[in-house]
Structure formats: C-alpha cells, structure tokens
Amino acid sequence: MTNSQPEITARLDDIDQRLDQLGDEIDLVRTIQEGVRRETRSNSQALARLERTVTNLADIARLHQQALRQSEIQFQEFQRNNQEFQRTTNAALERIDRVLDYLIRQSGQSES
C-alpha cells in the first residue's frame, strides 16, 4: 500500500494542477467574455447613434428637396412675371415712342 500512496499523491497533484489551469482558463474566458459584452454594448450604442444620424440626414435631404422644388416653382413664377413685365415695358415704350413721334410731328407743323 505504501507504493500506491505516492502514486495517488502524484495523481492528486496532477489533478490539482489541471484544475488550477482550468480555473485560470475559465478566468481568462470570463475576462474575454466581459470585454466582448462591453464591446457589444459599445457597438450597439454606436449603431443607434448612426441610425439617428442617418434618419436626420434623410430628413435634411427631404427638406432640401422640398425647398429646391419650391425654389424652382418660385423661379418659374419669377420668369413668367419678368416676361410679362418685359412685354408691358416694351408696349409702354412703343406707346411713348408713338407719342414722341406725334409730338415731334406736331411741333414741326406748328413751326411752319
């Protein structure tokens, strides 16, 4: 029995060493798992911020498009008004020219 005692002690020592190694590995896995958990939480928060930013950018783009369409409508209205103004101005200038011609003819006749 004395021969088996050192053998049992050696086996128990081996088991203790292996259990210590497993404990160390479990601690390492727990540390890694906690790091992964933190990184996942950080990534989730960053993703939520990114989603909010994309939503805001989409809203800005939509508002920009609406403003651009309104600007185009206003520009077209300006062009129509400007064309009407030019027609009215040209017609008024033609009438003024006719009146001036008439007045010039009248003043020429009165001098004779």
N, C-alpha and C. Protein backbone atom coordinates (compact mmCIF):
# COMPACT_ATOMS: atom_id res chain seq x y z
N MET A 1 0.79 -1.18 0.00
CA MET A 1 0.00 0.00 0.00
C MET A 1 0.84 1.26 0.00
N THR A 2 2.01 1.16 0.49
CA THR A 2 2.87 2.32 0.54
C THR A 2 3.30 2.73 -0.85
N ASN A 3 3.40 1.77 -1.75
CA ASN A 3 3.75 2.10 -3.13
C ASN A 3 2.62 2.87 -3.81
N SER A 4 1.39 2.57 -3.50
CA SER A 4 0.28 3.22 -4.15
C SER A 4 0.05 4.62 -3.61
N GLN A 5 0.51 4.88 -2.38
CA GLN A 5 0.33 6.21 -1.79
C GLN A 5 1.02 7.30 -2.60
N PRO A 6 2.31 7.13 -3.00
CA PRO A 6 2.93 8.17 -3.81
C PRO A 6 2.26 8.30 -5.17
N GLU A 7 1.77 7.21 -5.69
CA GLU A 7 1.09 7.24 -6.98
C GLU A 7 -0.20 8.05 -6.88
N ILE A 8 -0.97 7.83 -5.82
CA ILE A 8 -2.22 8.57 -5.59
C ILE A 8 -1.90 10.04 -5.37
N THR A 9 -0.86 10.32 -4.60
CA THR A 9 -0.47 11.70 -4.34
C THR A 9 -0.07 12.39 -5.65
N ALA A 10 0.68 11.68 -6.48
CA ALA A 10 1.10 12.25 -7.76
C ALA A 10 -0.12 12.53 -8.64
N ARG A 11 -1.07 11.60 -8.64
CA ARG A 11 -2.27 11.79 -9.44
C ARG A 11 -3.10 12.97 -8.92
N LEU A 12 -3.20 13.03 -7.58
CA LEU A 12 -3.94 14.14 -6.99
C LEU A 12 -3.25 15.47 -7.30
N ASP A 13 -1.92 15.48 -7.23
CA ASP A 13 -1.18 16.70 -7.57
C ASP A 13 -1.43 17.09 -9.04
N ASP A 14 -1.44 16.09 -9.90
CA ASP A 14 -1.69 16.33 -11.33
C ASP A 14 -3.11 16.90 -11.53
N ILE A 15 -4.06 16.29 -10.83
CA ILE A 15 -5.44 16.77 -10.92
C ILE A 15 -5.53 18.21 -10.40
N ASP A 16 -4.86 18.50 -9.29
CA ASP A 16 -4.85 19.86 -8.74
C ASP A 16 -4.26 20.85 -9.76
N GLN A 17 -3.15 20.47 -10.39
CA GLN A 17 -2.54 21.35 -11.38
C GLN A 17 -3.48 21.59 -12.56
N ARG A 18 -4.11 20.51 -13.00
CA ARG A 18 -5.03 20.63 -14.13
C ARG A 18 -6.24 21.48 -13.75
N LEU A 19 -6.74 21.31 -12.53
CA LEU A 19 -7.86 22.13 -12.08
C LEU A 19 -7.46 23.60 -11.98
N ASP A 20 -6.23 23.85 -11.50
CA ASP A 20 -5.73 25.23 -11.45
C ASP A 20 -5.65 25.83 -12.85
N GLN A 21 -5.15 25.05 -13.80
CA GLN A 21 -5.07 25.52 -15.18
C GLN A 21 -6.46 25.80 -15.75
N LEU A 22 -7.41 24.87 -15.48
CA LEU A 22 -8.77 25.09 -15.94
C LEU A 22 -9.38 26.33 -15.28
N GLY A 23 -9.10 26.55 -14.02
CA GLY A 23 -9.58 27.74 -13.32
C GLY A 23 -9.02 29.01 -13.97
N ASP A 24 -7.71 28.96 -14.29
CA ASP A 24 -7.10 30.11 -14.96
C ASP A 24 -7.73 30.35 -16.34
N GLU A 25 -7.97 29.27 -17.07
CA GLU A 25 -8.59 29.39 -18.39
C GLU A 25 -10.02 29.92 -18.28
N ILE A 26 -10.75 29.45 -17.26
CA ILE A 26 -12.11 29.93 -17.05
C ILE A 26 -12.09 31.42 -16.71
N ASP A 27 -11.13 31.84 -15.87
CA ASP A 27 -11.00 33.27 -15.54
C ASP A 27 -10.70 34.09 -16.80
N LEU A 28 -9.81 33.56 -17.65
CA LEU A 28 -9.47 34.24 -18.89
C LEU A 28 -10.70 34.35 -19.80
N VAL A 29 -11.46 33.25 -19.93
CA VAL A 29 -12.66 33.25 -20.75
C VAL A 29 -13.67 34.26 -20.20
N ARG A 30 -13.82 34.31 -18.87
CA ARG A 30 -14.74 35.29 -18.26
C ARG A 30 -14.28 36.72 -18.56
N THR A 31 -12.98 36.96 -18.48
CA THR A 31 -12.46 38.30 -18.79
C THR A 31 -12.73 38.65 -20.25
N ILE A 32 -12.46 37.70 -21.13
CA ILE A 32 -12.72 37.93 -22.56
C ILE A 32 -14.21 38.14 -22.79
N GLN A 33 -15.03 37.34 -22.15
CA GLN A 33 -16.48 37.46 -22.30
C GLN A 33 -16.96 38.84 -21.84
N GLU A 34 -16.43 39.32 -20.74
CA GLU A 34 -16.80 40.66 -20.25
C GLU A 34 -16.36 41.73 -21.25
N GLY A 35 -15.18 41.57 -21.83
CA GLY A 35 -14.72 42.51 -22.85
C GLY A 35 -15.63 42.49 -24.07
N VAL A 36 -16.02 41.29 -24.48
CA VAL A 36 -16.92 41.16 -25.63
C VAL A 36 -18.26 41.80 -25.30
N ARG A 37 -18.75 41.59 -24.08
CA ARG A 37 -20.02 42.19 -23.66
C ARG A 37 -19.94 43.72 -23.72
N ARG A 38 -18.84 44.28 -23.22
CA ARG A 38 -18.66 45.74 -23.27
C ARG A 38 -18.58 46.24 -24.71
N GLU A 39 -17.82 45.53 -25.53
CA GLU A 39 -17.67 45.92 -26.93
C GLU A 39 -19.01 45.85 -27.66
N THR A 40 -19.78 44.81 -27.38
CA THR A 40 -21.10 44.67 -27.99
C THR A 40 -22.01 45.83 -27.58
N ARG A 41 -21.97 46.19 -26.29
CA ARG A 41 -22.77 47.31 -25.80
C ARG A 41 -22.33 48.60 -26.49
N SER A 42 -21.03 48.81 -26.59
CA SER A 42 -20.50 50.00 -27.25
C SER A 42 -20.91 50.04 -28.72
N ASN A 43 -20.82 48.89 -29.40
CA ASN A 43 -21.22 48.82 -30.80
C ASN A 43 -22.71 49.09 -30.97
N SER A 44 -23.52 48.58 -30.05
CA SER A 44 -24.96 48.83 -30.11
C SER A 44 -25.26 50.32 -29.96
N GLN A 45 -24.56 50.98 -29.03
CA GLN A 45 -24.77 52.41 -28.84
C GLN A 45 -24.31 53.19 -30.07
N ALA A 46 -23.18 52.81 -30.62
CA ALA A 46 -22.67 53.49 -31.82
C ALA A 46 -23.64 53.27 -32.99
N LEU A 47 -24.18 52.08 -33.11
CA LEU A 47 -25.14 51.79 -34.17
C LEU A 47 -26.41 52.63 -33.99
N ALA A 48 -26.87 52.77 -32.76
CA ALA A 48 -28.06 53.59 -32.50
C ALA A 48 -27.79 55.05 -32.88
N ARG A 49 -26.58 55.55 -32.53
CA ARG A 49 -26.22 56.93 -32.92
C ARG A 49 -26.17 57.06 -34.44
N LEU A 50 -25.60 56.07 -35.09
CA LEU A 50 -25.51 56.08 -36.55
C LEU A 50 -26.90 56.07 -37.18
N GLU A 51 -27.80 55.26 -36.64
CA GLU A 51 -29.16 55.21 -37.17
C GLU A 51 -29.84 56.57 -37.00
N ARG A 52 -29.64 57.22 -35.85
CA ARG A 52 -30.23 58.55 -35.65
C ARG A 52 -29.64 59.54 -36.64
N THR A 53 -28.34 59.46 -36.87
CA THR A 53 -27.69 60.37 -37.82
C THR A 53 -28.23 60.16 -39.23
N VAL A 54 -28.37 58.91 -39.63
CA VAL A 54 -28.90 58.61 -40.97
C VAL A 54 -30.34 59.13 -41.09
N THR A 55 -31.13 58.94 -40.03
CA THR A 55 -32.51 59.44 -40.05
C THR A 55 -32.51 60.96 -40.19
N ASN A 56 -31.65 61.63 -39.43
CA ASN A 56 -31.55 63.09 -39.52
C ASN A 56 -31.12 63.53 -40.91
N LEU A 57 -30.14 62.84 -41.48
CA LEU A 57 -29.68 63.18 -42.83
C LEU A 57 -30.79 62.97 -43.85
N ALA A 58 -31.56 61.91 -43.69
CA ALA A 58 -32.68 61.67 -44.61
C ALA A 58 -33.72 62.78 -44.48
N ASP A 59 -33.98 63.22 -43.25
CA ASP A 59 -34.92 64.34 -43.05
C ASP A 59 -34.39 65.61 -43.70
N ILE A 60 -33.10 65.87 -43.52
CA ILE A 60 -32.49 67.07 -44.11
C ILE A 60 -32.57 66.99 -45.64
N ALA A 61 -32.28 65.82 -46.19
CA ALA A 61 -32.34 65.66 -47.65
C ALA A 61 -33.77 65.87 -48.16
N ARG A 62 -34.76 65.35 -47.42
CA ARG A 62 -36.16 65.53 -47.81
C ARG A 62 -36.52 67.01 -47.77
N LEU A 63 -36.13 67.70 -46.70
CA LEU A 63 -36.43 69.14 -46.60
C LEU A 63 -35.71 69.93 -47.69
N HIS A 64 -34.48 69.52 -47.99
CA HIS A 64 -33.72 70.18 -49.06
C HIS A 64 -34.44 70.02 -50.39
N GLN A 65 -34.92 68.82 -50.67
CA GLN A 65 -35.63 68.57 -51.92
C GLN A 65 -36.90 69.41 -52.00
N GLN A 66 -37.61 69.50 -50.88
CA GLN A 66 -38.82 70.32 -50.86
C GLN A 66 -38.48 71.79 -51.12
N ALA A 67 -37.42 72.27 -50.47
CA ALA A 67 -37.01 73.66 -50.68
C ALA A 67 -36.57 73.89 -52.12
N LEU A 68 -35.88 72.92 -52.68
CA LEU A 68 -35.44 73.04 -54.07
C LEU A 68 -36.63 73.10 -55.02
N ARG A 69 -37.63 72.22 -54.78
CA ARG A 69 -38.83 72.25 -55.62
C ARG A 69 -39.54 73.60 -55.48
N GLN A 70 -39.65 74.10 -54.25
CA GLN A 70 -40.30 75.40 -54.03
C GLN A 70 -39.52 76.50 -54.72
N SER A 71 -38.20 76.43 -54.65
CA SER A 71 -37.35 77.42 -55.31
C SER A 71 -37.55 77.38 -56.82
N GLU A 72 -37.65 76.19 -57.38
CA GLU A 72 -37.88 76.06 -58.83
C GLU A 72 -39.23 76.66 -59.21
N ILE A 73 -40.25 76.40 -58.39
CA ILE A 73 -41.58 76.97 -58.67
C ILE A 73 -41.51 78.49 -58.61
N GLN A 74 -40.84 79.02 -57.58
CA GLN A 74 -40.72 80.47 -57.45
C GLN A 74 -39.92 81.06 -58.62
N PHE A 75 -38.88 80.36 -59.06
CA PHE A 75 -38.08 80.85 -60.18
C PHE A 75 -38.92 80.87 -61.47
N GLN A 76 -39.71 79.83 -61.67
CA GLN A 76 -40.57 79.80 -62.85
C GLN A 76 -41.59 80.94 -62.79
N GLU A 77 -42.14 81.19 -61.61
CA GLU A 77 -43.07 82.30 -61.44
C GLU A 77 -42.37 83.63 -61.71
N PHE A 78 -41.13 83.75 -61.22
CA PHE A 78 -40.35 84.97 -61.48
C PHE A 78 -40.15 85.15 -62.98
N GLN A 79 -39.80 84.08 -63.67
CA GLN A 79 -39.58 84.18 -65.12
C GLN A 79 -40.86 84.62 -65.83
N ARG A 80 -42.00 84.04 -65.44
CA ARG A 80 -43.27 84.44 -66.07
C ARG A 80 -43.54 85.92 -65.78
N ASN A 81 -43.34 86.33 -64.53
CA ASN A 81 -43.58 87.73 -64.18
C ASN A 81 -42.62 88.66 -64.92
N ASN A 82 -41.37 88.23 -65.04
CA ASN A 82 -40.37 89.04 -65.73
C ASN A 82 -40.72 89.17 -67.21
N GLN A 83 -41.16 88.08 -67.82
CA GLN A 83 -41.57 88.14 -69.23
C GLN A 83 -42.77 89.08 -69.40
N GLU A 84 -43.73 88.98 -68.49
CA GLU A 84 -44.89 89.87 -68.56
C GLU A 84 -44.45 91.32 -68.37
N PHE A 85 -43.53 91.55 -67.43
CA PHE A 85 -43.01 92.89 -67.20
C PHE A 85 -42.32 93.42 -68.46
N GLN A 86 -41.51 92.57 -69.11
CA GLN A 86 -40.83 93.00 -70.33
C GLN A 86 -41.83 93.32 -71.44
N ARG A 87 -42.87 92.49 -71.58
CA ARG A 87 -43.90 92.77 -72.59
C ARG A 87 -44.59 94.09 -72.29
N THR A 88 -44.94 94.29 -71.02
CA THR A 88 -45.62 95.53 -70.63
C THR A 88 -44.70 96.73 -70.84
N THR A 89 -43.44 96.59 -70.46
CA THR A 89 -42.47 97.67 -70.64
C THR A 89 -42.27 97.98 -72.11
N ASN A 90 -42.13 96.94 -72.93
CA ASN A 90 -41.95 97.14 -74.37
C ASN A 90 -43.17 97.82 -74.98
N ALA A 91 -44.35 97.39 -74.55
CA ALA A 91 -45.57 98.01 -75.08
C ALA A 91 -45.63 99.48 -74.65
N ALA A 92 -45.27 99.77 -73.39
CA ALA A 92 -45.28 101.16 -72.91
C ALA A 92 -44.24 101.98 -73.67
N LEU A 93 -43.07 101.42 -73.93
CA LEU A 93 -42.03 102.15 -74.68
C LEU A 93 -42.50 102.43 -76.11
N GLU A 94 -43.18 101.47 -76.71
CA GLU A 94 -43.71 101.69 -78.06
C GLU A 94 -44.73 102.83 -78.06
N ARG A 95 -45.60 102.84 -77.05
CA ARG A 95 -46.58 103.92 -76.96
C ARG A 95 -45.89 105.27 -76.75
N ILE A 96 -44.87 105.27 -75.90
CA ILE A 96 -44.11 106.51 -75.65
C ILE A 96 -43.46 106.99 -76.94
N ASP A 97 -42.86 106.03 -77.68
CA ASP A 97 -42.24 106.38 -78.96
C ASP A 97 -43.27 106.98 -79.92
N ARG A 98 -44.47 106.38 -79.97
CA ARG A 98 -45.51 106.91 -80.86
C ARG A 98 -45.94 108.31 -80.41
N VAL A 99 -46.07 108.50 -79.10
CA VAL A 99 -46.45 109.82 -78.59
C VAL A 99 -45.37 110.84 -78.92
N LEU A 100 -44.10 110.47 -78.71
CA LEU A 100 -42.99 111.38 -79.02
C LEU A 100 -42.97 111.70 -80.52
N ASP A 101 -43.15 110.69 -81.35
CA ASP A 101 -43.20 110.93 -82.80
C ASP A 101 -44.33 111.91 -83.14
N TYR A 102 -45.49 111.68 -82.53
CA TYR A 102 -46.63 112.56 -82.77
C TYR A 102 -46.30 113.99 -82.34
N LEU A 103 -45.71 114.12 -81.12
CA LEU A 103 -45.37 115.45 -80.61
C LEU A 103 -44.32 116.13 -81.49
N ILE A 104 -43.37 115.35 -81.97
CA ILE A 104 -42.34 115.91 -82.85
C ILE A 104 -42.98 116.37 -84.15
N ARG A 105 -43.86 115.57 -84.70
CA ARG A 105 -44.56 115.97 -85.93
C ARG A 105 -45.40 117.22 -85.69
N GLN A 106 -46.08 117.25 -84.56
CA GLN A 106 -46.92 118.40 -84.24
C GLN A 106 -46.08 119.66 -84.05
N SER A 107 -44.97 119.54 -83.39
CA SER A 107 -44.13 120.72 -83.19
C SER A 107 -43.51 121.17 -84.50
N GLY A 108 -43.24 120.24 -85.40
CA GLY A 108 -42.71 120.59 -86.72
C GLY A 108 -43.76 121.27 -87.55
N GLN A 109 -44.99 120.91 -87.44
CA GLN A 109 -46.07 121.53 -88.20
C GLN A 109 -46.38 122.92 -87.66
N SER A 110 -46.26 123.09 -86.36
CA SER A 110 -46.59 124.39 -85.79
C SER A 110 -45.52 125.41 -86.10
N GLU A 111 -44.31 125.02 -86.36
CA GLU A 111 -43.24 125.95 -86.71
C GLU A 111 -43.36 126.40 -88.16
N SER A 112 -44.02 125.65 -89.00
CA SER A 112 -44.13 126.03 -90.41
C SER A 112 -45.16 127.01 -90.67
